Structure formats: structure tokens, C-alpha cells
Protein backbone atom coordinates (compact mmCIF):
# COMPACT_ATOMS: atom_id res chain seq x y z
CA MET A 1 -0.13 9.82 -12.27
CA PHE A 2 2.63 8.44 -10.70
CA ILE A 3 2.48 6.97 -7.28
CA VAL A 4 4.06 4.90 -4.56
CA SER A 5 0.57 3.76 -2.55
CA LYS A 6 1.20 2.71 0.87
CA ARG A 7 -2.05 0.60 1.73
CA ASN A 8 -4.71 -0.80 -0.50
CA TYR A 9 -7.65 1.37 -1.96
CA ARG A 10 -10.50 1.06 -4.06
CA VAL A 11 -11.79 3.57 -6.22
CA ARG A 12 -15.10 4.53 -7.85
CA ARG A 13 -15.11 6.34 -10.77
CA ALA A 14 -17.68 8.64 -12.42
CA ASP A 15 -19.22 5.04 -14.66
CA GLY A 16 -20.08 3.33 -11.99
CA SER A 17 -16.89 0.55 -12.24
CA SER A 18 -14.07 0.56 -9.09
CA TYR A 19 -10.53 0.74 -9.79
CA PHE A 20 -7.74 -1.02 -7.32
CA ILE A 21 -5.03 0.11 -5.60
CA LYS A 22 -3.28 -2.39 -4.55
CA ARG A 23 -0.85 -2.02 -1.39
CA ASP A 24 3.30 -1.43 -1.99
CA TYR A 25 2.02 -0.55 -5.25
CA ILE A 26 4.40 1.49 -7.36
CA GLY A 27 3.72 2.65 -10.42
CA GLU A 28 0.89 4.77 -12.92
CA ILE A 29 -3.06 5.97 -12.15
CA PRO A 30 -5.26 6.69 -14.89
CA GLU A 31 -5.76 10.40 -14.36
CA ASP A 32 -10.06 10.69 -13.31
CA VAL A 33 -8.79 8.31 -10.55
CA ALA A 34 -5.60 10.19 -9.16
CA ALA A 35 -8.41 13.35 -9.27
CA SER A 36 -10.92 11.04 -7.06
CA SER A 37 -11.16 12.20 -3.92
CA LEU A 38 -9.95 9.72 -2.01
CA VAL A 39 -6.50 8.63 -2.99
CA GLN A 40 -6.00 13.18 -2.49
CA ARG A 41 -7.09 12.34 1.04
CA ALA A 42 -4.60 10.11 0.38
CA ILE A 43 -1.93 11.79 -0.74
CA ARG A 44 -2.61 14.35 2.12
CA GLY A 45 -2.74 12.01 4.78
CA GLY A 46 1.45 10.38 3.23
CA MET A 47 -0.93 6.85 2.58
CA ILE A 48 -0.12 7.32 -1.01
CA CYS A 49 2.96 9.09 -2.04
CA VAL A 50 3.80 11.88 -5.66
CA PRO A 51 7.24 11.24 -6.38
CA GLU A 52 9.37 13.45 -8.22
CA GLY A 53 10.22 11.31 -11.13
CA THR A 54 10.63 7.45 -11.89
CA ARG A 55 14.34 7.26 -11.01
CA ASP A 56 15.62 4.38 -8.74
CA GLN A 57 16.57 6.73 -6.06
CA GLN A 58 13.22 9.18 -6.06
CA LEU A 59 11.53 5.43 -5.56
CA GLU A 60 12.98 4.68 -2.85
CA GLU A 61 13.00 8.54 -1.08
CA ALA A 62 8.97 8.91 -1.88
CA ASP A 63 9.29 5.44 -0.42
CA ARG A 64 10.61 5.96 2.25
CA GLU A 65 8.68 9.44 3.13
CA ALA A 66 5.07 7.52 2.92
CA GLY A 67 6.44 4.67 4.79
CA GLU A 68 7.15 7.18 8.02
CA ARG A 69 4.14 9.78 7.32
CA GLU A 70 1.92 6.50 7.29
CA ALA A 71 3.52 5.91 10.34
CA GLU A 72 2.76 8.87 12.30
CA ASN A 73 -1.10 9.42 10.67
CA ASP A 74 -2.09 5.78 11.25
CA ILE A 75 -4.89 6.62 14.16
CA ARG A 76 -5.43 2.87 14.12
CA PRO A 77 -5.32 2.00 17.66
CA ASP A 78 -4.25 -1.25 17.57
CA ALA A 79 -1.41 0.45 14.65
CA ALA A 80 1.27 -0.83 17.07
CA GLU A 81 0.95 -3.84 17.82
CA ALA A 82 0.01 -5.20 14.97
CA GLU A 83 3.75 -4.39 14.18
CA ASP A 84 5.43 -5.62 16.95
CA LEU A 85 3.25 -8.43 16.00
CA GLU A 86 4.70 -8.72 12.12
CA ALA A 87 8.04 -8.25 14.00
CA GLU A 88 8.23 -10.34 16.22
CA ASP A 89 6.13 -13.86 14.20
CA PRO A 90 7.17 -13.21 10.38
CA LYS A 91 4.76 -15.24 7.86
CA PRO A 92 5.81 -18.15 6.37
CA PRO A 93 6.89 -19.75 3.60
CA ALA A 94 5.07 -20.02 0.70
CA GLY A 95 5.07 -23.48 -1.03
CA LYS A 96 3.85 -27.27 0.20
CA ARG A 97 2.87 -27.13 3.90
CA GLY A 98 3.20 -30.82 5.10
CA PRO A 99 4.09 -33.73 3.60
CA GLY A 100 0.66 -34.20 0.85
CA LYS A 101 -1.15 -37.17 1.17
CA LYS A 102 -2.41 -39.16 4.89
CA GLU A 103 -2.02 -42.65 5.44
CA ARG A 104 -3.96 -44.47 6.85
């Protein structure tokens, strides 16, 4: 099944192993994972979207729709506050943080 995931998910498989779906993942997942109750609930809740095709335009539309449904269905009390903080204070760029070794 081809999906667009808006959150991280760890799905327990029938053999006891785990399958991890990363946030903002776009791609195929195994059928046994797709049939799991966790993934099916996430699809119904809009946190995982199943696009009709794999074209860029279809993926962009599915991602936009999933984002809207995620915002509508996110009932966490701190969800709106966290989004506001992310908008105000973007993450610093990755890489070196300082001049390196400190002189004594």
C-alpha cells in the first residue's frame, strides 16, 4: 500500500517484530502492516493518507489533505501551542555549533 504519513508509528507485526513508519514518510508499506488496526485507525483519522496514485501532483494533494485532516483531528491540548512555537522559533541549521576546541 502506498501511503503518506504525518506522524511516527511503530506497528507490531504478527511475528512479534516491529515496523516503524517515520513522520512525513511517502512510500510503500507491507500489506500486513497496512492491514493492522493502528494503521487503519490512522487512515480514518487522517494521520495517514492513501493517495490515488504516485504522481507528484497526487502526492502533493494527498499530503495537503492529510495535513488539514491532522489539524482537524489533533485533540492534544498542547497541539496548537506547539505549532505556534515552531512557527516562531525555527530549528537552527545542522552542523558545527561553535568554534571547536576551547583554549584554556
